[in-house]
Amino acid sequence: MAEKKSTREIFYYKNYYLDFIGKLKPEVKKKFSWTLQLISTIDRVPEKYFKHLTGTSGLYEVRVEVESDIYRVFCFFDKGQLIILVNGFQKKTQKTPPNEIELAEKLKKQYFNEIGYSKK
């Protein structure tokens, strides 16, 4: 059987995601790996794993739950199907901390400035 071709490519912006994931327990790392594989290979990703954040400039969150712990990693699209991962955090309240969203927005802007992309 032929291997499933990637629907999306996933990249890490600098070390934000890698620094975050490096501090997590092995079972959480494994679940993130599985979730990112899912996001990169299926056309319609369930909102349980990948969700657009309303009220942002195109931010999405990768969503992972392990036992009673909830984790989020912010990301955004570049050039269609290219997903750029930025900061992550462990969610401890119902509402996403505004400072985490602000950081993701800042990193997104920084990313596009560095690659020389300007929105008209």
Protein backbone atom coordinates (compact mmCIF):
# COMPACT_ATOMS: atom_id res chain seq x y z
CA MET A 1 0.00 0.00 0.00
CA ALA A 2 1.28 3.47 -0.89
CA GLU A 3 2.27 5.81 1.91
CA LYS A 4 -0.12 8.72 2.47
CA LYS A 5 1.29 11.96 1.07
CA SER A 6 1.43 14.91 3.44
CA THR A 7 -1.43 17.36 3.14
CA ARG A 8 0.43 20.01 5.11
CA GLU A 9 4.05 20.64 6.03
CA ILE A 10 4.93 21.58 9.60
CA PHE A 11 7.91 23.73 10.60
CA TYR A 12 9.11 25.14 13.90
CA TYR A 13 9.83 28.85 14.14
CA LYS A 14 13.17 29.20 15.90
CA ASN A 15 13.19 27.05 19.08
CA TYR A 16 9.91 28.10 20.70
CA TYR A 17 8.10 24.81 20.10
CA LEU A 18 11.18 22.66 20.69
CA ASP A 19 11.94 24.38 24.00
CA PHE A 20 8.34 23.85 25.12
CA ILE A 21 8.09 20.20 24.06
CA GLY A 22 11.50 19.40 25.53
CA LYS A 23 10.18 20.05 29.05
CA LEU A 24 7.16 17.74 28.75
CA LYS A 25 6.67 14.16 29.94
CA PRO A 26 7.29 11.39 27.36
CA GLU A 27 3.59 10.55 27.04
CA VAL A 28 2.76 14.19 26.24
CA LYS A 29 5.56 14.37 23.65
CA LYS A 30 4.21 11.19 22.07
CA LYS A 31 0.69 12.65 21.89
CA PHE A 32 2.01 15.88 20.31
CA SER A 33 3.91 13.83 17.75
CA TRP A 34 0.77 11.82 16.94
CA THR A 35 -1.36 15.00 16.71
CA LEU A 36 1.12 16.77 14.39
CA GLN A 37 1.21 13.66 12.19
CA LEU A 38 -2.59 13.74 12.03
CA ILE A 39 -2.63 17.45 11.13
CA SER A 40 -0.05 16.94 8.39
CA THR A 41 -1.78 13.98 6.74
CA ILE A 42 -5.57 14.32 6.85
CA ASP A 43 -7.62 16.87 4.93
CA ARG A 44 -10.19 17.69 7.60
CA VAL A 45 -8.64 17.77 11.06
CA PRO A 46 -11.16 17.49 13.91
CA GLU A 47 -11.45 20.66 16.00
CA LYS A 48 -10.51 18.57 19.02
CA TYR A 49 -6.91 18.59 17.70
CA PHE A 50 -6.60 21.75 15.58
CA LYS A 51 -8.71 24.87 15.96
CA HIS A 52 -8.76 28.41 14.58
CA LEU A 53 -8.63 31.05 17.33
CA THR A 54 -11.33 33.63 16.78
CA GLY A 55 -10.35 37.23 17.37
CA THR A 56 -6.76 36.67 16.16
CA SER A 57 -4.92 37.38 12.92
CA GLY A 58 -5.12 33.80 11.67
CA LEU A 59 -3.73 31.93 14.66
CA TYR A 60 -4.57 28.29 15.22
CA GLU A 61 -3.92 26.06 18.18
CA VAL A 62 -2.73 22.47 18.22
CA ARG A 63 -4.71 20.87 21.04
CA VAL A 64 -3.45 17.95 23.14
CA GLU A 65 -4.94 16.33 26.23
CA VAL A 66 -3.19 13.69 28.30
CA GLU A 67 -5.17 12.45 31.27
CA SER A 68 -6.44 15.64 32.95
CA ASP A 69 -3.68 17.88 31.53
CA ILE A 70 -4.37 20.15 28.56
CA TYR A 71 -1.66 21.60 26.31
CA ARG A 72 -1.77 24.09 23.45
CA VAL A 73 0.72 25.15 20.79
CA PHE A 74 -0.02 28.17 18.63
CA CYS A 75 0.64 28.12 14.92
CA PHE A 76 -0.27 29.85 11.67
CA PHE A 77 -0.21 29.19 7.95
CA ASP A 78 2.35 30.43 5.47
CA LYS A 79 2.02 29.82 1.72
CA GLY A 80 -1.11 27.69 1.80
CA GLN A 81 -0.34 24.37 3.44
CA LEU A 82 2.77 25.30 5.41
CA ILE A 83 2.12 25.40 9.17
CA ILE A 84 4.54 27.31 11.39
CA LEU A 85 4.58 26.28 15.08
CA VAL A 86 5.43 28.89 17.70
CA ASN A 87 4.86 29.04 21.47
CA GLY A 88 3.18 26.41 23.60
CA PHE A 89 1.85 26.22 27.14
CA GLN A 90 -0.06 24.04 29.57
CA LYS A 91 -3.62 25.25 29.86
CA LYS A 92 -4.72 25.60 33.47
CA THR A 93 -7.83 27.76 33.10
CA GLN A 94 -10.89 27.72 30.85
CA LYS A 95 -9.77 30.84 29.01
CA THR A 96 -6.53 31.00 27.02
CA PRO A 97 -4.11 33.40 28.74
CA PRO A 98 -4.01 36.69 26.77
CA ASN A 99 -0.23 36.95 27.18
CA GLU A 100 0.21 33.62 25.32
CA ILE A 101 -1.94 34.87 22.43
CA GLU A 102 -0.01 38.17 22.38
CA LEU A 103 3.28 36.28 22.22
CA ALA A 104 2.02 34.13 19.33
CA GLU A 105 0.84 37.23 17.45
CA LYS A 106 4.24 38.87 18.02
CA LEU A 107 6.11 35.75 16.82
CA LYS A 108 3.91 35.52 13.73
CA LYS A 109 4.65 39.15 12.84
CA GLN A 110 8.36 38.59 13.51
CA TYR A 111 8.36 35.49 11.27
CA PHE A 112 6.80 37.32 8.32
CA ASN A 113 9.15 40.31 8.82
CA GLU A 114 12.16 37.99 8.74
CA ILE A 115 11.13 36.26 5.52
CA GLY A 116 10.43 39.64 3.92
CA TYR A 117 6.69 39.19 3.54
CA SER A 118 4.49 42.25 3.87
CA LYS A 119 0.71 42.18 3.80
CA LYS A 120 -0.78 44.88 1.66
